[in-house]
């Protein structure tokens, strides 16, 4: 299903003359340096195609013949390659291998395209060029140090030699003649065809090998069936293999707007036909761009408006939409999640996700949270490298399926609150817990459980919620009684108050009396006494233990009450 959807995406882009996707047998490649020759095979110059400054220099991309899949052996690309292959430069301290690389590069030119005049120019240049001539080029030292990709151009032509009409025609003929000795049913197209034995590597997945990794790969006996080797274990035609790998590499490209990182999963997405939803999807989940921090907010608000009509802007709501999450697994790629649905279905579920996370928050807090911000705030030390590897995929799957959020999400949030003595219940953590609990009880209704509201709910029957309010009130009393205090009961007692209330609340209530005695404003004392009375009216005793859901409500009750203290109302403006 994944490969079929990717092939359909390639076919869609290939049919669009403005898409610029590589045709079969070709690929877009960054070529930092172009060797410019005259018609006699003499070097005119080595042209630097890079633009920008310093480390931000970026080479231009060119359409070149599809590269070979390289492992430990020597395999030369056709009409382009790194300097080690083109000139036989010894990069790794192995002169014998360097000579083999240069020989392989020349042999491919002679054997496959040697009868073409422009190719004979390249062969003549490579056979006769001297190192003394090359060292006169300003970029030669950098080439020998960095081993960049190189290609060729005749000085009077605006295009690379590999794009010369005679070369294109010959390569097309060679491709049509290429066959293997087995004809099998392709699992993607269902047609009898020639099978691709080794699939092209997929590049651009975060954490994967720089040379790329495979989705379809069989290189050990344990992976093989009935004596079949390599690609014959999962037969995919040459055409279908090119389509799906090109489509995926295009989606994962550096300039692609249809990719984003969710935890350790590099995520790509596309629709079966062009759509606004496809263009805007990443804005719903990624961290806002520094250049335009409000862009995502506008897209999300547009989503809320469009869902009321059952579609997204002017899209066909029945258009199918695909989301694929990939993560590295040695030399292969693991599929973290694969979601298929219509634009209407996904738009509705994503809207529900934002509604789940809606909560009262300070003015400077982001209106909507990215998945990265949610996950990093429940990771150890608030560091992205500590986000549990599977959690991002599970959260994304829940959002797109509209199912309950993973239990590990609540557990991670509670652990982080208990360990973060300085911040405890941040707005994003409170929003996450609210989202988890409300969605859980939406799927598993309980008449004794009331939905958690966006802001303070004094009628919430949850013991945990009311205990959280009580703890926040006792902390506020301590803060006002001791202005500038370095550490409050939050630092010392939050964990115990949340998990085992009976062990701490009696002492905290007794300590509260000493704090209230320090107040000079008796109206303020009356306000707190009245508030404490209202909260205690919801409690019959202090439980010995709170389960995880009640601990979550404790955190939200604490957060809601703290936010209420900083919101001007008639109830807390007592002089």
Protein backbone atom coordinates (compact mmCIF):
# COMPACT_ATOMS: atom_id res chain seq x y z
CA UNK A 1 0.00 0.00 0.00
CA UNK A 2 2.83 2.43 0.85
CA UNK A 3 4.72 1.74 -2.37
CA UNK A 4 1.54 1.97 -4.43
CA UNK A 5 0.65 5.34 -2.92
CA UNK A 6 4.16 6.63 -3.56
CA UNK A 7 4.04 5.44 -7.18
CA UNK A 8 0.71 7.22 -7.64
CA UNK A 9 2.29 10.38 -6.25
CA UNK A 10 5.18 10.07 -8.71
CA UNK A 11 2.76 9.54 -11.60
CA UNK A 12 0.82 12.62 -10.52
CA UNK A 13 3.96 14.77 -10.38
CA UNK A 14 5.34 13.34 -13.64
CA UNK A 15 2.13 14.32 -15.41
CA UNK A 16 2.57 17.91 -14.22
CA UNK A 17 5.08 19.75 -16.46
CA UNK A 18 5.71 22.28 -13.68
CA UNK A 19 6.59 19.70 -11.01
CA UNK A 20 10.20 19.26 -12.17
CA UNK A 21 10.34 15.71 -10.80
CA UNK A 22 13.08 13.53 -12.31
CA UNK A 23 12.04 11.35 -15.29
CA UNK A 24 12.74 7.62 -15.22
CA UNK A 25 16.46 6.84 -15.15
CA UNK A 26 17.46 10.29 -13.91
CA UNK A 27 17.81 12.14 -10.62
CA UNK A 28 18.37 15.67 -9.35
CA UNK A 29 21.83 16.00 -7.80
CA UNK A 30 23.81 18.84 -6.31
CA UNK A 31 26.96 19.32 -8.44
CA UNK A 32 29.34 21.82 -6.77
CA UNK A 33 31.87 21.88 -9.62
CA UNK A 34 31.48 21.53 -13.39
CA UNK A 35 34.44 20.71 -15.64
CA UNK A 36 34.11 22.96 -18.70
CA UNK A 37 35.82 21.60 -21.86
CA UNK A 38 36.31 22.79 -25.40
CA UNK A 39 35.53 20.55 -28.39
CA UNK A 40 39.12 19.24 -28.46
CA UNK A 41 38.97 17.93 -24.88
CA UNK A 42 41.00 20.76 -23.35
CA UNK A 43 40.13 22.13 -19.93
CA UNK A 44 38.69 25.64 -20.15
CA UNK A 45 37.88 26.02 -16.43
CA UNK A 46 36.37 24.30 -13.42
CA UNK A 47 33.16 26.19 -12.71
CA UNK A 48 31.97 26.64 -9.11
CA UNK A 49 28.16 26.40 -9.02
CA UNK A 50 27.80 27.14 -5.32
CA UNK A 51 25.99 30.17 -4.00
CA UNK A 52 25.95 31.74 -0.54
CA UNK A 53 28.71 32.31 1.98
CA UNK A 54 30.77 30.14 4.32
CA UNK A 55 29.06 27.00 5.55
CA UNK A 56 25.80 28.13 3.94
CA UNK A 57 27.19 27.65 0.44
CA UNK A 58 24.81 25.53 -1.60
CA UNK A 59 25.54 23.90 -4.96
CA UNK A 60 23.09 24.05 -7.84
CA UNK A 61 21.15 20.91 -8.65
CA UNK A 62 21.29 19.29 -12.07
CA UNK A 63 19.41 16.46 -13.74
CA UNK A 64 21.91 13.61 -14.15
CA UNK A 65 21.71 9.86 -14.88
CA UNK A 66 20.57 7.96 -11.80
CA UNK A 67 23.52 7.04 -9.61
CA UNK A 68 24.66 3.54 -8.77
CA UNK A 69 23.99 1.99 -5.39
CA UNK A 70 27.44 1.92 -3.79
CA UNK A 71 28.53 -0.18 -0.87
CA UNK A 72 32.04 -1.53 -0.40
CA UNK A 73 32.79 -2.28 -4.06
CA UNK A 74 33.75 0.01 -6.91
CA UNK A 75 30.79 1.26 -8.97
CA UNK A 76 31.04 4.35 -11.12
CA UNK A 77 28.19 6.65 -12.00
CA UNK A 78 27.67 7.72 -15.58
CA UNK A 79 28.85 11.21 -16.61
CA UNK A 80 29.05 12.44 -13.01
CA UNK A 81 30.62 11.25 -9.79
CA UNK A 82 32.87 12.37 -6.96
CA UNK A 83 36.44 13.48 -7.63
CA UNK A 84 37.77 10.10 -6.48
CA UNK A 85 36.09 8.43 -9.45
CA UNK A 86 36.53 11.20 -12.03
CA UNK A 87 40.23 11.89 -11.41
CA UNK A 88 41.31 8.91 -9.31
CA UNK A 89 42.14 11.14 -6.34
CA UNK A 90 43.27 9.10 -3.36
CA UNK A 91 40.93 10.29 -0.60
CA UNK A 92 41.20 7.33 1.80
CA UNK A 93 44.89 6.50 1.51
CA UNK A 94 44.28 3.60 -0.89
CA UNK A 95 45.96 4.36 -4.23
CA UNK A 96 45.00 1.00 -5.73
CA UNK A 97 41.30 1.61 -5.08
CA UNK A 98 41.59 5.16 -6.44
CA UNK A 99 43.01 3.81 -9.71
CA UNK A 100 40.21 1.26 -9.94
CA UNK A 101 37.62 3.99 -9.45
CA UNK A 102 39.05 6.13 -12.26
CA UNK A 103 39.27 3.09 -14.53
CA UNK A 104 35.64 2.16 -13.78
CA UNK A 105 34.48 5.69 -14.57
CA UNK A 106 36.28 5.69 -17.94
CA UNK A 107 35.11 2.17 -18.84
CA UNK A 108 31.46 3.10 -18.40
CA UNK A 109 31.90 6.04 -20.73
CA UNK A 110 33.64 3.92 -23.37
CA UNK A 111 31.38 0.89 -23.12
CA UNK A 112 27.99 2.59 -22.91
CA UNK A 113 28.37 5.92 -24.70
CA UNK A 114 31.74 5.73 -26.46
CA UNK A 115 30.32 6.25 -29.96
CA UNK A 116 28.98 9.74 -29.10
CA UNK A 117 31.16 12.70 -30.09
CA UNK A 118 30.64 14.64 -26.85
CA UNK A 119 31.58 11.59 -24.78
CA UNK A 120 34.78 11.18 -26.79
CA UNK A 121 35.67 14.74 -25.74
CA UNK A 122 35.39 13.73 -22.06
CA UNK A 123 37.41 10.54 -22.59
CA UNK A 124 40.17 12.48 -24.36
CA UNK A 125 40.26 15.02 -21.51
CA UNK A 126 40.49 12.35 -18.79
CA UNK A 127 43.22 10.44 -20.62
CA UNK A 128 45.41 13.50 -21.22
CA UNK A 129 44.82 15.93 -18.35
CA UNK A 130 47.86 16.57 -16.17
CA UNK A 131 47.93 17.34 -12.47
CA UNK A 132 49.95 20.49 -13.19
CA UNK A 133 47.09 21.87 -15.27
CA UNK A 134 44.52 21.02 -12.61
CA UNK A 135 46.48 22.73 -9.84
CA UNK A 136 46.18 26.02 -11.75
CA UNK A 137 42.45 26.02 -11.01
CA UNK A 138 41.59 28.05 -7.86
CA UNK A 139 39.18 25.40 -6.59
CA UNK A 140 41.44 22.38 -7.14
CA UNK A 141 42.79 22.19 -3.58
CA UNK A 142 39.26 22.28 -2.20
CA UNK A 143 38.25 19.52 -4.62
CA UNK A 144 41.09 17.27 -3.46
CA UNK A 145 40.15 17.86 0.18
CA UNK A 146 36.36 17.54 0.03
CA UNK A 147 35.84 15.02 -2.82
CA UNK A 148 32.74 16.76 -4.25
CA UNK A 149 30.52 15.63 -7.11
CA UNK A 150 31.70 16.68 -10.58
CA UNK A 151 30.19 16.68 -14.04
CA UNK A 152 31.01 18.00 -17.52
CA UNK A 153 29.93 20.71 -19.93
CA UNK A 154 31.09 21.85 -23.38
CA UNK A 155 31.96 25.54 -23.12
CA UNK A 156 29.49 26.64 -25.82
CA UNK A 157 26.56 24.63 -24.38
CA UNK A 158 24.32 25.90 -21.57
CA UNK A 159 23.58 22.34 -20.37
CA UNK A 160 25.64 19.46 -19.02
CA UNK A 161 26.90 16.89 -21.48
CA UNK A 162 24.68 14.28 -19.84
CA UNK A 163 21.68 16.31 -21.06
CA UNK A 164 22.87 16.48 -24.67
CA UNK A 165 20.11 15.13 -26.99
CA UNK A 166 22.37 12.37 -28.36
CA UNK A 167 23.19 11.21 -24.83
CA UNK A 168 19.56 11.24 -23.73
CA UNK A 169 18.56 9.24 -26.79
CA UNK A 170 21.27 6.62 -26.23
CA UNK A 171 20.49 6.24 -22.52
CA UNK A 172 16.80 5.77 -23.35
CA UNK A 173 17.70 3.01 -25.80
CA UNK A 174 19.97 1.28 -23.28
CA UNK A 175 17.25 1.42 -20.61
CA UNK A 176 14.71 -0.24 -22.90
CA UNK A 177 17.19 -3.04 -23.66
CA UNK A 178 18.03 -3.67 -20.01
CA UNK A 179 16.42 -6.88 -18.79
CA UNK A 180 17.07 -9.46 -16.13
CA UNK A 181 16.55 -13.16 -16.58
CA UNK A 182 13.32 -13.42 -14.61
CA UNK A 183 9.86 -12.08 -15.32
CA UNK A 184 7.58 -12.01 -12.28
CA UNK A 185 4.36 -10.31 -11.20
CA UNK A 186 5.15 -6.88 -9.72
CA UNK A 187 3.58 -6.51 -6.28
CA UNK A 188 2.95 -2.81 -6.90
CA UNK A 189 1.41 -2.82 -10.40
CA UNK A 190 0.29 -6.44 -10.71
CA UNK A 191 1.94 -6.73 -14.13
CA UNK A 192 4.37 -9.33 -15.46
CA UNK A 193 7.60 -7.42 -15.77
CA UNK A 194 11.32 -7.21 -15.09
CA UNK A 195 12.14 -7.00 -11.40
CA UNK A 196 14.50 -4.55 -9.73
CA UNK A 197 17.04 -6.57 -7.75
CA UNK A 198 18.62 -3.80 -5.64
CA UNK A 199 16.44 -0.84 -4.70
CA UNK A 200 17.67 2.75 -4.64
CA UNK A 201 18.60 4.08 -1.21
CA UNK A 202 16.28 6.57 0.47
CA UNK A 203 18.04 9.70 1.73
CA UNK A 204 16.95 12.50 4.05
CA UNK A 205 15.68 10.44 7.00
CA UNK A 206 16.96 11.91 10.27
CA UNK A 207 19.51 9.64 11.95
CA UNK A 208 19.89 7.28 8.98
CA UNK A 209 23.19 6.69 7.18
CA UNK A 210 24.33 9.60 5.01
CA UNK A 211 24.47 7.34 1.94
CA UNK A 212 20.83 6.45 2.49
CA UNK A 213 18.89 3.42 3.68
CA UNK A 214 16.31 1.05 2.22
CA UNK A 215 12.69 0.22 2.87
CA UNK A 216 12.88 -2.92 0.69
CA UNK A 217 16.09 -4.89 1.29
CA UNK A 218 17.09 -8.54 1.73
CA UNK A 219 20.79 -9.10 2.34
CA UNK A 220 20.91 -11.99 4.83
CA UNK A 221 19.68 -15.58 4.68
CA UNK A 222 17.28 -14.95 7.57
CA UNK A 223 15.32 -12.47 5.45
CA UNK A 224 14.96 -14.69 2.39
CA UNK A 225 12.23 -17.13 1.41
CA UNK A 226 12.25 -20.26 -0.77
CA UNK A 227 15.78 -19.65 -2.03
CA UNK A 228 15.00 -16.25 -3.50
CA UNK A 229 17.68 -13.57 -3.28
CA UNK A 230 17.55 -9.83 -2.72
CA UNK A 231 14.67 -8.03 -4.50
CA UNK A 232 13.04 -11.25 -5.70
CA UNK A 233 11.72 -11.78 -2.15
CA UNK A 234 9.43 -8.77 -2.67
CA UNK A 235 9.27 -8.35 -6.46
CA UNK A 236 8.90 -4.75 -7.61
CA UNK A 237 9.27 -3.79 -11.25
CA UNK A 238 12.07 -1.53 -12.46
CA UNK A 239 9.54 1.19 -13.31
CA UNK A 240 7.67 0.95 -10.00
CA UNK A 241 10.92 0.93 -8.01
CA UNK A 242 12.09 4.08 -9.72
CA UNK A 243 8.71 5.73 -9.15
CA UNK A 244 8.43 5.03 -5.44
CA UNK A 245 12.08 5.78 -4.60
CA UNK A 246 12.08 9.00 -6.63
CA UNK A 247 8.80 10.11 -5.07
CA UNK A 248 10.06 9.42 -1.54
CA UNK A 249 13.45 11.03 -2.12
CA UNK A 250 11.66 14.08 -3.55
CA UNK A 251 9.40 14.30 -0.49
CA UNK A 252 12.47 14.00 1.76
CA UNK A 253 14.55 16.53 -0.19
CA UNK A 254 16.20 19.50 1.52
CA UNK A 255 13.79 21.98 -0.04
CA UNK A 256 10.67 19.87 0.40
CA UNK A 257 7.75 21.49 2.20
CA UNK A 258 6.11 18.12 2.64
CA UNK A 259 8.38 16.79 5.35
CA UNK A 260 8.81 17.45 9.06
CA UNK A 261 10.45 15.83 12.07
CA UNK A 262 8.18 14.39 14.75
CA UNK A 263 10.31 12.99 17.57
CA UNK A 264 12.75 10.66 15.84
CA UNK A 265 10.34 10.05 12.94
CA UNK A 266 10.93 11.92 9.70
CA UNK A 267 7.41 12.42 8.41
CA UNK A 268 6.28 13.02 4.83
CA UNK A 269 2.75 13.58 3.58
CA UNK A 270 0.92 13.97 0.28
CA UNK A 271 -2.53 13.80 -1.26
CA UNK A 272 -3.70 11.92 -4.32
CA UNK A 273 -4.16 15.21 -6.17
CA UNK A 274 -2.97 18.80 -5.53
CA UNK A 275 -4.62 20.33 -2.46
CA UNK A 276 -4.33 23.21 -0.01
CA UNK A 277 -4.32 20.68 2.81
CA UNK A 278 -1.15 19.12 1.38
CA UNK A 279 0.57 22.52 1.36
CA UNK A 280 -0.53 23.47 4.88
CA UNK A 281 -0.31 20.16 6.72
CA UNK A 282 3.10 20.77 8.30
CA UNK A 283 1.94 24.07 9.83
CA UNK A 284 -0.46 22.14 12.07
CA UNK A 285 2.31 20.26 13.86
CA UNK A 286 5.71 21.90 13.45
CA UNK A 287 7.35 24.59 15.57
CA UNK A 288 6.62 28.09 14.13
CA UNK A 289 9.25 29.53 11.79
CA UNK A 290 11.30 32.35 13.29
CA UNK A 291 10.78 34.45 10.15
CA UNK A 292 6.99 34.13 10.30
CA UNK A 293 5.90 32.85 13.74
CA UNK A 294 2.22 33.58 13.10
CA UNK A 295 1.93 31.59 9.86
CA UNK A 296 1.05 28.36 11.65
CA UNK A 297 -1.57 30.13 13.79
CA UNK A 298 -3.29 31.47 10.69
CA UNK A 299 -3.35 28.00 9.11
CA UNK A 300 -4.81 26.43 12.26
CA UNK A 301 -7.52 29.07 12.52
CA UNK A 302 -8.31 28.50 8.86
CA UNK A 303 -8.59 24.79 9.66
CA UNK A 304 -11.18 25.51 12.37
CA UNK A 305 -13.23 27.57 9.95
CA UNK A 306 -13.00 25.09 7.07
CA UNK A 307 -13.98 22.03 9.11
CA UNK A 308 -17.44 23.54 9.56
CA UNK A 309 -18.00 23.05 5.84
CA UNK A 310 -16.63 19.49 5.83
CA UNK A 311 -13.61 20.28 3.68
CA UNK A 312 -10.40 22.30 3.72
CA UNK A 313 -10.65 25.54 1.75
CA UNK A 314 -11.55 24.61 -1.82
CA UNK A 315 -10.30 21.02 -1.63
CA UNK A 316 -12.40 17.99 -2.44
CA UNK A 317 -13.06 16.62 1.03
CA UNK A 318 -13.02 13.06 -0.32
CA UNK A 319 -9.47 13.36 -1.68
CA UNK A 320 -7.27 10.70 -0.10
CA UNK A 321 -4.38 11.87 2.05
CA UNK A 322 -1.30 9.93 3.19
CA UNK A 323 1.08 10.39 6.14
CA UNK A 324 4.26 8.30 6.44
CA UNK A 325 6.63 8.38 9.42
CA UNK A 326 10.11 6.85 8.95
CA UNK A 327 12.91 6.21 11.43
CA UNK A 328 16.41 4.74 10.98
CA UNK A 329 17.08 1.08 11.70
CA UNK A 330 20.72 0.24 10.87
CA UNK A 331 20.96 0.16 7.06
CA UNK A 332 17.17 0.06 6.73
CA UNK A 333 14.23 2.31 7.47
CA UNK A 334 11.50 1.45 9.94
CA UNK A 335 7.95 2.61 9.34
CA UNK A 336 6.90 4.39 12.54
CA UNK A 337 3.39 5.07 11.29
CA UNK A 338 1.36 4.98 8.08
CA UNK A 339 -1.99 6.74 7.99
CA UNK A 340 -4.47 6.90 5.13
CA UNK A 341 -7.72 8.83 5.08
CA UNK A 342 -9.61 11.61 3.35
CA UNK A 343 -8.83 15.29 3.77
CA UNK A 344 -12.15 15.75 5.53
CA UNK A 345 -11.38 12.97 8.04
CA UNK A 346 -7.91 14.26 8.84
CA UNK A 347 -9.05 17.89 9.06
CA UNK A 348 -11.77 16.96 11.56
CA UNK A 349 -9.39 14.89 13.71
CA UNK A 350 -6.68 17.54 13.72
CA UNK A 351 -9.26 20.16 14.75
CA UNK A 352 -10.27 17.87 17.61
CA UNK A 353 -6.62 17.58 18.63
CA UNK A 354 -6.32 21.36 18.99
CA UNK A 355 -9.59 21.50 20.93
CA UNK A 356 -8.28 18.80 23.27
CA UNK A 357 -5.18 20.88 24.04
CA UNK A 358 -7.01 24.18 24.53
CA UNK A 359 -6.47 25.54 28.04
CA UNK A 360 -6.24 28.88 29.84
CA UNK A 361 -2.66 30.14 29.67
CA UNK A 362 -0.47 33.21 30.26
CA UNK A 363 -0.52 35.95 27.57
CA UNK A 364 2.96 35.20 26.17
CA UNK A 365 2.32 31.47 25.81
CA UNK A 366 1.85 30.16 22.22
CA UNK A 367 -1.79 29.87 21.22
CA UNK A 368 -1.19 26.41 19.75
CA UNK A 369 1.52 23.89 20.62
CA UNK A 370 3.65 22.01 18.11
CA UNK A 371 4.18 18.31 18.67
CA UNK A 372 7.87 18.99 19.31
CA UNK A 373 7.01 21.48 22.08
CA UNK A 374 4.60 19.02 23.66
CA UNK A 375 7.08 16.15 23.64
CA UNK A 376 10.16 18.11 24.69
CA UNK A 377 8.33 19.38 27.77
CA UNK A 378 7.79 15.85 29.04
CA UNK A 379 11.30 14.62 28.15
CA UNK A 380 14.04 14.37 30.76
CA UNK A 381 15.65 17.79 31.30
CA UNK A 382 13.38 19.19 28.59
CA UNK A 383 15.84 18.02 25.92
CA UNK A 384 14.68 16.79 22.54
CA UNK A 385 17.27 13.98 22.48
CA UNK A 386 15.52 12.49 25.54
CA UNK A 387 12.11 12.18 23.90
CA UNK A 388 11.14 8.47 24.09
CA UNK A 389 11.68 7.12 20.54
CA UNK A 390 8.25 5.57 19.99
CA UNK A 391 6.19 8.22 21.76
CA UNK A 392 6.10 10.73 18.90
CA UNK A 393 4.81 8.12 16.47
CA UNK A 394 2.16 6.93 18.93
CA UNK A 395 0.97 10.48 19.55
CA UNK A 396 0.80 11.26 15.83
CA UNK A 397 -1.07 8.03 15.17
CA UNK A 398 -3.61 8.91 17.88
CA UNK A 399 -4.16 12.37 16.43
CA UNK A 400 -4.68 11.14 12.88
CA UNK A 401 -6.82 8.16 13.91
CA UNK A 402 -8.82 10.15 16.43
CA UNK A 403 -8.13 7.49 19.09
CA UNK A 404 -7.10 7.88 22.78
CA UNK A 405 -3.63 9.25 23.36
CA UNK A 406 -1.04 6.69 24.53
CA UNK A 407 -0.97 6.02 28.28
CA UNK A 408 2.79 6.53 28.21
CA UNK A 409 2.10 10.19 27.38
CA UNK A 410 0.32 10.76 30.71
CA UNK A 411 2.95 8.78 32.60
CA UNK A 412 5.78 10.81 31.04
CA UNK A 413 4.02 14.09 31.83
CA UNK A 414 3.50 13.17 35.49
CA UNK A 415 7.10 11.99 35.87
CA UNK A 416 8.40 15.23 34.39
CA UNK A 417 6.18 17.37 36.65
CA UNK A 418 7.49 15.55 39.73
CA UNK A 419 11.11 15.87 38.66
CA UNK A 420 10.95 19.51 37.50
CA UNK A 421 10.97 21.18 40.91
CA UNK A 422 11.39 24.66 39.43
CA UNK A 423 8.48 24.74 36.96
CA UNK A 424 6.24 21.77 37.84
CA UNK A 425 2.98 22.21 35.89
CA UNK A 426 3.81 24.27 32.81
CA UNK A 427 0.88 25.32 30.59
CA UNK A 428 1.88 22.81 27.91
CA UNK A 429 1.96 19.97 30.45
CA UNK A 430 -1.43 20.93 31.85
CA UNK A 431 -2.82 21.07 28.31
CA UNK A 432 -1.43 17.63 27.56
CA UNK A 433 -2.95 16.06 30.67
CA UNK A 434 -6.31 17.71 29.98
CA UNK A 435 -6.20 16.40 26.40
CA UNK A 436 -5.32 12.89 27.51
CA UNK A 437 -8.05 12.63 30.18
CA UNK A 438 -10.86 14.14 28.12
CA UNK A 439 -10.14 11.98 25.11
CA UNK A 440 -9.81 8.85 27.28
CA UNK A 441 -13.25 9.33 28.83
CA UNK A 442 -14.73 10.25 25.48
CA UNK A 443 -13.93 6.70 24.41
CA UNK A 444 -14.53 5.05 27.79
CA UNK A 445 -17.44 6.99 29.31
CA UNK A 446 -17.90 7.04 33.09
CA UNK A 447 -20.95 8.83 34.51
CA UNK A 448 -19.00 9.64 37.69
CA UNK A 449 -16.27 11.47 35.77
CA UNK A 450 -16.72 15.07 34.64
CA UNK A 451 -14.86 16.53 31.67
CA UNK A 452 -11.91 18.75 32.52
CA UNK A 453 -12.63 22.32 31.47
CA UNK A 454 -10.31 24.88 29.88
CA UNK A 455 -10.17 27.02 33.03
CA UNK A 456 -10.96 26.83 36.73
CA UNK A 457 -14.00 24.66 37.49
CA UNK A 458 -14.96 24.96 41.15
CA UNK A 459 -17.70 22.34 40.70
CA UNK A 460 -15.32 19.63 39.43
CA UNK A 461 -16.12 16.54 41.58
CA UNK A 462 -12.64 15.01 41.24
CA UNK A 463 -10.84 14.70 44.58
CA UNK A 464 -7.51 15.01 42.81
CA UNK A 465 -8.58 18.24 41.10
CA UNK A 466 -9.76 19.81 44.37
CA UNK A 467 -6.59 18.72 46.18
CA UNK A 468 -4.58 20.38 43.42
CA UNK A 469 -6.54 23.57 43.98
CA UNK A 470 -5.92 23.28 47.71
CA UNK A 471 -2.18 22.84 47.22
CA UNK A 472 -2.05 25.88 44.91
CA UNK A 473 -3.93 27.97 47.48
CA UNK A 474 -1.62 26.93 50.32
CA UNK A 475 1.38 27.80 48.16
CA UNK A 476 -0.10 31.21 47.33
CA UNK A 477 -0.64 31.93 51.02
CA UNK A 478 2.98 31.04 51.75
CA UNK A 479 4.22 33.29 48.91
CA UNK A 480 2.22 36.31 50.09
CA UNK A 481 3.22 35.77 53.70
CA UNK A 482 6.91 35.57 52.74
CA UNK A 483 7.57 37.91 49.77
CA UNK A 484 10.68 36.94 47.81
CA UNK A 485 10.83 33.44 49.30
CA UNK A 486 13.34 31.25 47.43
CA UNK A 487 11.53 27.91 47.72
CA UNK A 488 7.89 27.15 48.43
CA UNK A 489 5.98 24.01 49.34
CA UNK A 490 5.90 23.30 45.59
CA UNK A 491 9.59 22.38 45.60
CA UNK A 492 9.44 20.18 48.71
CA UNK A 493 5.98 18.64 48.87
CA UNK A 494 4.38 18.56 45.41
CA UNK A 495 5.33 14.94 44.65
CA UNK A 496 3.99 13.60 47.94
CA UNK A 497 0.87 15.79 47.87
CA UNK A 498 0.06 14.51 44.37
CA UNK A 499 0.66 10.80 44.98
CA UNK A 500 -0.03 10.30 48.72
CA UNK A 501 -2.06 13.30 49.98
CA UNK A 502 -2.63 11.98 53.49
CA UNK A 503 1.07 12.21 54.27
CA UNK A 504 1.42 15.96 53.80
CA UNK A 505 -1.83 17.94 53.76
CA UNK A 506 -2.46 17.89 57.53
CA UNK A 507 0.93 19.48 58.16
CA UNK A 508 0.48 21.95 55.29
CA UNK A 509 -2.87 23.13 56.66
CA UNK A 510 -1.32 23.62 60.10
CA UNK A 511 1.59 25.56 58.53
CA UNK A 512 -0.95 27.74 56.70
CA UNK A 513 -2.15 29.18 60.01
CA UNK A 514 1.32 30.55 60.77
CA UNK A 515 1.45 32.17 57.32
CA UNK A 516 -1.97 33.81 57.62
CA UNK A 517 -0.94 35.28 60.98
CA UNK A 518 1.69 37.36 59.14
CA UNK A 519 -0.90 39.08 56.90
CA UNK A 520 -1.51 42.74 57.71
CA UNK A 521 -4.43 42.93 55.26
CA UNK A 522 -7.30 41.19 57.05
CA UNK A 523 -9.41 41.34 53.91
CA UNK A 524 -6.84 39.15 52.23
CA UNK A 525 -7.00 36.71 55.15
CA UNK A 526 -10.78 36.56 54.79
CA UNK A 527 -10.45 35.89 51.05
CA UNK A 528 -8.13 32.94 51.59
CA UNK A 529 -10.17 31.52 54.47
CA UNK A 530 -13.29 31.69 52.33
CA UNK A 531 -11.48 30.05 49.38
CA UNK A 532 -10.11 27.28 51.60
CA UNK A 533 -13.58 26.67 52.99
CA UNK A 534 -15.02 26.37 49.49
CA UNK A 535 -12.33 23.85 48.45
CA UNK A 536 -12.53 21.80 51.67
CA UNK A 537 -16.29 21.56 51.16
CA UNK A 538 -15.56 19.20 48.23
CA UNK A 539 -13.38 16.91 50.39
CA UNK A 540 -14.33 14.36 53.01
CA UNK A 541 -10.80 13.17 53.84
CA UNK A 542 -7.30 13.01 52.45
CA UNK A 543 -6.84 9.77 50.47
CA UNK A 544 -3.82 7.57 51.06
CA UNK A 545 -3.14 7.29 47.36
CA UNK A 546 -4.21 8.85 44.04
CA UNK A 547 -4.16 6.83 40.83
CA UNK A 548 -2.56 8.23 37.68
CA UNK A 549 -5.75 9.83 36.38
CA UNK A 550 -6.39 11.57 39.67
CA UNK A 551 -2.75 12.67 39.78
CA UNK A 552 -3.35 14.20 36.37
CA UNK A 553 -6.42 16.03 37.66
CA UNK A 554 -4.37 17.17 40.68
CA UNK A 555 -1.91 18.79 38.28
CA UNK A 556 -4.70 20.51 36.33
CA UNK A 557 -6.48 21.66 39.50
CA UNK A 558 -3.19 23.10 40.72
CA UNK A 559 -2.58 24.80 37.37
CA UNK A 560 -6.12 26.17 37.02
CA UNK A 561 -6.07 27.64 40.52
CA UNK A 562 -2.65 29.22 39.98
CA UNK A 563 -3.89 30.81 36.74
CA UNK A 564 -7.02 32.08 38.53
CA UNK A 565 -4.86 33.90 41.08
CA UNK A 566 -3.30 35.93 38.28
CA UNK A 567 -6.58 36.63 36.53
CA UNK A 568 -8.32 39.72 37.85
CA UNK A 569 -11.84 38.88 39.03
CA UNK A 570 -14.18 40.08 41.72
CA UNK A 571 -13.32 37.01 43.80
CA UNK A 572 -9.60 37.66 44.25
CA UNK A 573 -9.52 41.45 44.17
CA UNK A 574 -10.00 41.92 47.91
CA UNK A 575 -8.30 44.94 49.42
